[in-house]
C-alpha atoms as a PDB file:
ATOM      1  CA  MET A   1      36.253  -2.744 -93.925  1.00  0.00           C
ATOM      2  CA  ARG A   2      32.987  -2.020 -96.073  1.00  0.00           C
ATOM      3  CA  ILE A   3      29.881  -1.744 -93.697  1.00  0.00           C
ATOM      4  CA  VAL A   4      26.537  -1.689 -94.241  1.00  0.00           C
ATOM      5  CA  ILE A   5      23.950  -0.792 -91.468  1.00  0.00           C
ATOM      6  CA  ALA A   6      20.243  -1.126 -91.138  1.00  0.00           C
ATOM      7  CA  GLU A   7      19.040   1.083 -87.991  1.00  0.00           C
ATOM      8  CA  ASP A   8      15.588   2.381 -88.577  1.00  0.00           C
ATOM      9  CA  ASP A   9      15.831   5.260 -86.388  1.00  0.00           C
ATOM     10  CA  ALA A  10      17.856   7.619 -87.983  1.00  0.00           C
ATOM     11  CA  LEU A  11      19.730   9.662 -85.312  1.00  0.00           C
ATOM     12  CA  LEU A  12      21.156   6.343 -84.374  1.00  0.00           C
ATOM     13  CA  ARG A  13      21.780   5.298 -87.927  1.00  0.00           C
ATOM     14  CA  GLU A  14      23.631   8.417 -88.374  1.00  0.00           C
ATOM     15  CA  GLY A  15      25.526   8.487 -85.221  1.00  0.00           C
ATOM     16  CA  MET A  16      26.675   4.833 -85.763  1.00  0.00           C
ATOM     17  CA  ALA A  17      27.940   5.569 -89.067  1.00  0.00           C
ATOM     18  CA  ALA A  18      30.014   8.791 -87.950  1.00  0.00           C
ATOM     19  CA  LEU A  19      30.890   6.739 -85.455  1.00  0.00           C
ATOM     20  CA  LEU A  20      32.315   4.350 -87.235  1.00  0.00           C
ATOM     21  CA  ARG A  21      33.902   6.121 -90.097  1.00  0.00           C
ATOM     22  CA  ASP A  22      35.695   8.284 -87.339  1.00  0.00           C
ATOM     23  CA  GLU A  23      37.285   5.308 -86.267  1.00  0.00           C
ATOM     24  CA  GLY A  24      38.346   4.612 -90.367  1.00  0.00           C
ATOM     25  CA  PHE A  25      35.569   2.179 -91.542  1.00  0.00           C
ATOM     26  CA  GLU A  26      34.311   2.445 -95.108  1.00  0.00           C
ATOM     27  CA  ILE A  27      30.212   3.105 -94.539  1.00  0.00           C
ATOM     28  CA  ALA A  28      29.045   1.651 -98.100  1.00  0.00           C
ATOM     29  CA  ALA A  29      25.411   2.233 -96.953  1.00  0.00           C
ATOM     30  CA  ALA A  30      23.024   3.161 -93.842  1.00  0.00           C
ATOM     31  CA  VAL A  31      19.379   2.464 -94.142  1.00  0.00           C
ATOM     32  CA  GLY A  32      16.078   2.534 -92.401  1.00  0.00           C
ATOM     33  CA  GLU A  33      14.401  -0.739 -93.967  1.00  0.00           C
ATOM     34  CA  ALA A  34      14.916  -4.550 -94.154  1.00  0.00           C
ATOM     35  CA  ASP A  35      14.534  -4.460 -97.927  1.00  0.00           C
ATOM     36  CA  ALA A  36      16.931  -1.858 -98.940  1.00  0.00           C
ATOM     37  CA  LEU A  37      19.445  -3.805 -96.405  1.00  0.00           C
ATOM     38  CA  LEU A  38      19.490  -6.902 -98.510  1.00  0.00           C
ATOM     39  CA  ARG A  39      19.642  -4.540-101.712  1.00  0.00           C
ATOM     40  CA  ALA A  40      22.904  -3.013-100.239  1.00  0.00           C
ATOM     41  CA  VAL A  41      24.233  -6.869 -99.518  1.00  0.00           C
ATOM     42  CA  ALA A  42      24.018  -7.414-102.961  1.00  0.00           C
ATOM     43  CA  ASP A  43      25.328  -4.340-104.908  1.00  0.00           C
ATOM     44  CA  GLN A  44      27.521  -3.204-102.167  1.00  0.00           C
ATOM     45  CA  GLU A  45      29.642  -6.565-100.819  1.00  0.00           C
ATOM     46  CA  PRO A  46      30.495  -5.997 -97.536  1.00  0.00           C
ATOM     47  CA  ASP A  47      32.356  -7.018 -95.510  1.00  0.00           C
ATOM     48  CA  LEU A  48      29.711  -7.189 -92.384  1.00  0.00           C
ATOM     49  CA  ALA A  49      26.476  -5.702 -91.803  1.00  0.00           C
ATOM     50  CA  ILE A  50      25.217  -4.076 -88.449  1.00  0.00           C
ATOM     51  CA  ILE A  51      21.124  -5.074 -87.782  1.00  0.00           C
ATOM     52  CA  ASP A  52      18.598  -3.304 -86.228  1.00  0.00           C
ATOM     53  CA  VAL A  53      16.802  -6.761 -84.947  1.00  0.00           C
ATOM     54  CA  ARG A  54      13.432  -4.453 -85.295  1.00  0.00           C
ATOM     55  CA  MET A  55      12.758  -3.084 -88.255  1.00  0.00           C
ATOM     56  CA  PRO A  56       9.416  -1.752 -90.172  1.00  0.00           C
ATOM     57  CA  PRO A  57       6.653  -2.335 -90.888  1.00  0.00           C
ATOM     58  CA  THR A  58       6.211  -4.742 -88.104  1.00  0.00           C
ATOM     59  CA  HIS A  59       8.998  -3.903 -85.683  1.00  0.00           C
ATOM     60  CA  THR A  60       8.974  -7.247 -84.585  1.00  0.00           C
ATOM     61  CA  ASP A  61      11.894  -9.723 -86.083  1.00  0.00           C
ATOM     62  CA  GLU A  62      12.351  -8.215 -90.062  1.00  0.00           C
ATOM     63  CA  GLY A  63      15.984  -7.468 -88.789  1.00  0.00           C
ATOM     64  CA  ILE A  64      16.288 -10.905 -87.389  1.00  0.00           C
ATOM     65  CA  ARG A  65      14.931 -12.808 -90.990  1.00  0.00           C
ATOM     66  CA  ALA A  66      16.880  -9.822 -92.987  1.00  0.00           C
ATOM     67  CA  ALA A  67      20.463 -10.802 -91.092  1.00  0.00           C
ATOM     68  CA  VAL A  68      19.376 -14.868 -92.271  1.00  0.00           C
ATOM     69  CA  ARG A  69      19.079 -13.666 -95.682  1.00  0.00           C
ATOM     70  CA  ALA A  70      21.996 -11.257 -96.050  1.00  0.00           C
ATOM     71  CA  ARG A  71      24.181 -14.531 -94.779  1.00  0.00           C
ATOM     72  CA  GLU A  72      22.443 -16.178 -98.210  1.00  0.00           C
ATOM     73  CA  ILE A  73      22.604 -13.630-100.422  1.00  0.00           C
ATOM     74  CA  ARG A  74      26.296 -12.691 -99.750  1.00  0.00           C
ATOM     75  CA  GLU A  75      27.630 -16.314 -98.125  1.00  0.00           C
ATOM     76  CA  GLY A  76      29.159 -16.186 -94.498  1.00  0.00           C
ATOM     77  CA  LEU A  77      28.623 -12.570 -94.401  1.00  0.00           C
ATOM     78  CA  PRO A  78      29.804 -11.410 -90.838  1.00  0.00           C
ATOM     79  CA  VAL A  79      26.701  -9.356 -88.878  1.00  0.00           C
ATOM     80  CA  LEU A  80      26.549  -8.058 -85.782  1.00  0.00           C
ATOM     81  CA  VAL A  81      22.579  -7.620 -84.601  1.00  0.00           C
ATOM     82  CA  LEU A  82      21.787  -5.072 -82.476  1.00  0.00           C
ATOM     83  CA  SER A  83      18.501  -5.098 -79.688  1.00  0.00           C
ATOM     84  CA  ALA A  84      16.939  -2.941 -77.204  1.00  0.00           C
ATOM     85  CA  TYR A  85      16.589  -5.698 -74.390  1.00  0.00           C
ATOM     86  CA  VAL A  86      17.253  -9.463 -74.668  1.00  0.00           C
ATOM     87  CA  GLU A  87      15.556 -11.041 -77.066  1.00  0.00           C
ATOM     88  CA  GLN A  88      16.837 -14.608 -76.161  1.00  0.00           C
ATOM     89  CA  SER A  89      15.020 -16.776 -79.327  1.00  0.00           C
ATOM     90  CA  PHE A  90      16.137 -14.308 -81.701  1.00  0.00           C
ATOM     91  CA  ALA A  91      20.238 -15.123 -80.346  1.00  0.00           C
ATOM     92  CA  THR A  92      19.890 -18.405 -80.987  1.00  0.00           C
ATOM     93  CA  GLU A  93      17.850 -18.306 -84.550  1.00  0.00           C
ATOM     94  CA  LEU A  94      20.483 -15.903 -86.182  1.00  0.00           C
ATOM     95  CA  MET A  95      23.036 -18.487 -84.796  1.00  0.00           C
ATOM     96  CA  GLU A  96      21.528 -21.246 -86.429  1.00  0.00           C
ATOM     97  CA  THR A  97      22.522 -19.570 -89.847  1.00  0.00           C
ATOM     98  CA  GLY A  98      26.317 -20.660 -89.332  1.00  0.00           C
ATOM     99  CA  THR A  99      29.162 -20.558 -86.210  1.00  0.00           C
ATOM    100  CA  SER A 100      31.128 -17.615 -87.132  1.00  0.00           C
ATOM    101  CA  GLY A 101      31.003 -14.240 -87.468  1.00  0.00           C
ATOM    102  CA  ILE A 102      28.039 -13.616 -85.469  1.00  0.00           C
ATOM    103  CA  GLY A 103      27.175 -10.908 -82.716  1.00  0.00           C
ATOM    104  CA  TYR A 104      24.330  -9.872 -80.826  1.00  0.00           C
ATOM    105  CA  LEU A 105      24.582  -6.877 -78.681  1.00  0.00           C
ATOM    106  CA  LEU A 106      22.504  -4.740 -76.943  1.00  0.00           C
ATOM    107  CA  LYS A 107      22.169  -1.444 -78.592  1.00  0.00           C
ATOM    108  CA  GLU A 108      23.287   0.434 -74.652  1.00  0.00           C
ATOM    109  CA  ARG A 109      26.827  -0.892 -75.758  1.00  0.00           C
ATOM    110  CA  VAL A 110      27.497   1.251 -78.693  1.00  0.00           C
ATOM    111  CA  GLY A 111      28.495   4.166 -77.186  1.00  0.00           C
ATOM    112  CA  ARG A 112      30.962   2.297 -75.444  1.00  0.00           C
ATOM    113  CA  VAL A 113      33.515   3.057 -78.650  1.00  0.00           C
ATOM    114  CA  GLU A 114      36.625   0.681 -77.977  1.00  0.00           C
ATOM    115  CA  ARG A 115      34.472  -2.226 -77.208  1.00  0.00           C
ATOM    116  CA  PHE A 116      32.001  -1.530 -79.797  1.00  0.00           C
ATOM    117  CA  VAL A 117      34.770  -1.330 -82.209  1.00  0.00           C
ATOM    118  CA  ASP A 118      36.877  -4.627 -80.570  1.00  0.00           C
ATOM    119  CA  THR A 119      33.040  -6.640 -80.773  1.00  0.00           C
ATOM    120  CA  LEU A 120      33.116  -5.478 -84.539  1.00  0.00           C
ATOM    121  CA  ARG A 121      37.040  -6.708 -85.479  1.00  0.00           C
ATOM    122  CA  ARG A 122      35.768  -9.965 -83.870  1.00  0.00           C
ATOM    123  CA  VAL A 123      32.661 -10.711 -85.819  1.00  0.00           C
ATOM    124  CA  ALA A 124      34.462  -9.356 -89.105  1.00  0.00           C
ATOM    125  CA  ASP A 125      37.443 -12.364 -88.204  1.00  0.00           C
ATOM    126  CA  GLY A 126      34.649 -14.804 -88.518  1.00  0.00           C
ATOM    127  CA  GLN A 127      34.261 -15.438 -84.262  1.00  0.00           C
ATOM    128  CA  THR A 128      31.157 -15.436 -82.684  1.00  0.00           C
ATOM    129  CA  ALA A 129      30.820 -12.380 -80.127  1.00  0.00           C
ATOM    130  CA  ILE A 130      27.183 -12.641 -77.775  1.00  0.00           C
ATOM    131  CA  ASP A 131      26.530  -9.761 -75.417  1.00  0.00           C
ATOM    132  CA  SER A 132      27.746 -11.149 -71.614  1.00  0.00           C
ATOM    133  CA  GLU A 133      23.673  -9.072 -70.362  1.00  0.00           C
ATOM    134  CA  VAL A 134      22.262 -11.921 -72.784  1.00  0.00           C
ATOM    135  CA  VAL A 135      24.170 -14.839 -71.620  1.00  0.00           C
ATOM    136  CA  ALA A 136      23.807 -13.393 -67.790  1.00  0.00           C
ATOM    137  CA  GLN A 137      19.868 -13.482 -68.495  1.00  0.00           C
ATOM    138  CA  LEU A 138      20.088 -16.449 -70.424  1.00  0.00           C
ATOM    139  CA  PHE A 139      21.870 -18.473 -67.321  1.00  0.00           C
ATOM    140  CA  ALA A 140      18.662 -16.787 -65.167  1.00  0.00           C
ATOM    141  CA  HIS A 141      16.016 -18.781 -66.894  1.00  0.00           C
ATOM    142  CA  LYS A 142      18.534 -22.220 -67.225  1.00  0.00           C
ATOM    143  CA  ARG A 143      16.116 -24.953 -67.292  1.00  0.00           C
ATOM    144  CA  THR A 144      17.212 -27.381 -64.124  1.00  0.00           C
ATOM    145  CA  ASP A 145      16.519 -30.276 -65.573  1.00  0.00           C
ATOM    146  CA  ASP A 146      19.149 -29.495 -68.802  1.00  0.00           C
ATOM    147  CA  ALA A 147      22.812 -31.151 -68.404  1.00  0.00           C
ATOM    148  CA  LEU A 148      24.098 -26.976 -68.166  1.00  0.00           C
ATOM    149  CA  SER A 149      22.293 -27.132 -64.549  1.00  0.00           C
ATOM    150  CA  ARG A 150      25.547 -29.609 -63.767  1.00  0.00           C
ATOM    151  CA  LEU A 151      27.913 -26.612 -64.292  1.00  0.00           C
ATOM    152  CA  SER A 152      30.167 -25.395 -62.081  1.00  0.00           C
ATOM    153  CA  ARG A 153      29.089 -21.146 -60.528  1.00  0.00           C
ATOM    154  CA  ARG A 154      32.780 -20.933 -62.303  1.00  0.00           C
ATOM    155  CA  GLU A 155      32.252 -22.601 -65.275  1.00  0.00           C
ATOM    156  CA  ARG A 156      29.163 -19.962 -65.773  1.00  0.00           C
ATOM    157  CA  ASP A 157      31.152 -17.352 -65.703  1.00  0.00           C
ATOM    158  CA  VAL A 158      34.014 -19.036 -67.983  1.00  0.00           C
ATOM    159  CA  LEU A 159      31.420 -19.799 -70.797  1.00  0.00           C
ATOM    160  CA  ALA A 160      29.595 -16.504 -70.458  1.00  0.00           C
ATOM    161  CA  LEU A 161      33.205 -15.204 -71.801  1.00  0.00           C
ATOM    162  CA  MET A 162      33.321 -17.532 -73.889  1.00  0.00           C
ATOM    163  CA  ALA A 163      30.397 -16.286 -75.673  1.00  0.00           C
ATOM    164  CA  GLU A 164      31.432 -12.608 -75.992  1.00  0.00           C
ATOM    165  CA  GLY A 165      34.172 -13.824 -78.007  1.00  0.00           C
ATOM    166  CA  LEU A 166      37.222 -13.732 -75.657  1.00  0.00           C
ATOM    167  CA  GLY A 167      40.220 -16.362 -76.218  1.00  0.00           C
ATOM    168  CA  ASN A 168      41.347 -18.512 -73.150  1.00  0.00           C
ATOM    169  CA  GLY A 169      44.170 -15.623 -72.217  1.00  0.00           C
ATOM    170  CA  ALA A 170      41.645 -12.807 -72.262  1.00  0.00           C
ATOM    171  CA  ILE A 171      39.316 -15.061 -69.968  1.00  0.00           C
ATOM    172  CA  ALA A 172      41.899 -15.360 -67.492  1.00  0.00           C
ATOM    173  CA  GLU A 173      42.920 -11.642 -67.696  1.00  0.00           C
ATOM    174  CA  ARG A 174      38.930 -10.697 -66.842  1.00  0.00           C
ATOM    175  CA  MET A 175      38.876 -13.619 -64.014  1.00  0.00           C
ATOM    176  CA  THR A 176      42.191 -12.697 -62.979  1.00  0.00           C
ATOM    177  CA  VAL A 177      43.058 -16.945 -62.774  1.00  0.00           C
ATOM    178  CA  THR A 178      45.818 -18.425 -65.161  1.00  0.00           C
ATOM    179  CA  ASP A 179      45.701 -19.096 -67.919  1.00  0.00           C
ATOM    180  CA  GLY A 180      45.585 -23.315 -66.780  1.00  0.00           C
ATOM    181  CA  ALA A 181      42.799 -22.751 -64.965  1.00  0.00           C
ATOM    182  CA  VAL A 182      41.008 -21.701 -67.983  1.00  0.00           C
ATOM    183  CA  HIS A 183      41.906 -24.034 -69.662  1.00  0.00           C
ATOM    184  CA  LYS A 184      40.765 -26.544 -66.913  1.00  0.00           C
ATOM    185  CA  HIS A 185      37.425 -24.990 -66.998  1.00  0.00           C
ATOM    186  CA  ILE A 186      36.559 -24.997 -70.384  1.00  0.00           C
ATOM    187  CA  ARG A 187      37.578 -29.027 -70.476  1.00  0.00           C
ATOM    188  CA  SER A 188      35.607 -29.534 -67.606  1.00  0.00           C
ATOM    189  CA  ILE A 189      32.573 -27.382 -70.027  1.00  0.00           C
ATOM    190  CA  PHE A 190      32.764 -29.329 -72.715  1.00  0.00           C
ATOM    191  CA  GLY A 191      32.938 -32.773 -70.331  1.00  0.00           C
ATOM    192  CA  LYS A 192      29.830 -32.106 -69.174  1.00  0.00           C
ATOM    193  CA  LEU A 193      27.865 -30.772 -72.231  1.00  0.00           C
ATOM    194  CA  GLY A 194      28.966 -33.954 -73.749  1.00  0.00           C
ATOM    195  CA  LEU A 195      31.016 -32.062 -76.158  1.00  0.00           C
ATOM    196  CA  ALA A 196      33.744 -34.766 -77.831  1.00  0.00           C
ATOM    197  CA  PRO A 197      37.162 -33.324 -79.466  1.00  0.00           C
ATOM    198  CA  ASP A 198      35.739 -32.807 -83.790  1.00  0.00           C
ATOM    199  CA  ASP A 199      37.589 -31.474 -85.835  1.00  0.00           C
ATOM    200  CA  ARG A 200      34.711 -30.534 -88.018  1.00  0.00           C
ATOM    201  CA  SER A 201      33.049 -28.427 -85.089  1.00  0.00           C
ATOM    202  CA  ASP A 202      34.646 -25.473 -82.561  1.00  0.00           C
ATOM    203  CA  ARG A 203      33.620 -26.697 -79.476  1.00  0.00           C
ATOM    204  CA  ARG A 204      33.486 -23.473 -77.925  1.00  0.00           C
ATOM    205  CA  VAL A 205      30.771 -22.355 -80.289  1.00  0.00           C
ATOM    206  CA  ALA A 206      28.519 -25.156 -79.694  1.00  0.00           C
ATOM    207  CA  ALA A 207      28.818 -24.888 -75.780  1.00  0.00           C
ATOM    208  CA  VAL A 208      26.796 -21.553 -77.010  1.00  0.00           C
ATOM    209  CA  LEU A 209      24.718 -23.152 -78.684  1.00  0.00           C
ATOM    210  CA  ARG A 210      23.782 -25.513 -76.231  1.00  0.00           C
ATOM    211  CA  TYR A 211      22.782 -23.186 -73.833  1.00  0.00           C
ATOM    212  CA  LEU A 212      21.069 -21.180 -75.751  1.00  0.00           C
ATOM    213  CA  ASN A 213      18.995 -23.687 -77.414  1.00  0.00           C
ATOM    214  CA  ALA A 214      18.278 -24.855 -74.159  1.00  0.00           C
ATOM    215  CA  THR A 215      17.080 -21.230 -73.242  1.00  0.00           C
ATOM    216  CA  ALA A 216      14.869 -20.531 -75.616  1.00  0.00           C
ATOM    217  CA  ARG A 217      11.378 -19.766 -75.016  1.00  0.00           C
END
């Protein structure tokens, strides 16, 4: 897998590059600002991009805007966005570019190598992976008048794990319940959110997007 990294902190950038090389990934480019990232995406045609949310010159939303643009330059490019803390509106904006190959991870997770690498692989495979802390904080700020308020505590736990990109079997293992119980919870979540079966959409991703859109501020 060929990866481009965009991170303005040189120490973190080079540390990630070294870590990923040790794990067998090819680093096509490691840059420190958004324009250089977009050039690398166009020239190197990577399989995945890792992008910091806040980059020069203003350190506000350059990374998110670059991620959106990168997915236009290389259609459907899987992107994993890193952030120092939870930024709800940015997570929503990123996911509006598509429902596959999207990841949003807190920087502190990078040091957990096995989980970080697993997230990279899932995003590269077209899955959606939202940091569990992001989902937890979103739930903490939910709107009481939204349909999501009807979810039970257990259903919220299941949705949080769905947002991390876990399949039913992995969710069942994490929650120490049966696959059947997980399937029942997910069916109930879809029903409460009004997500009817539709071959043209991914209801799992739609459920997460529904929540992000309801809580973004």
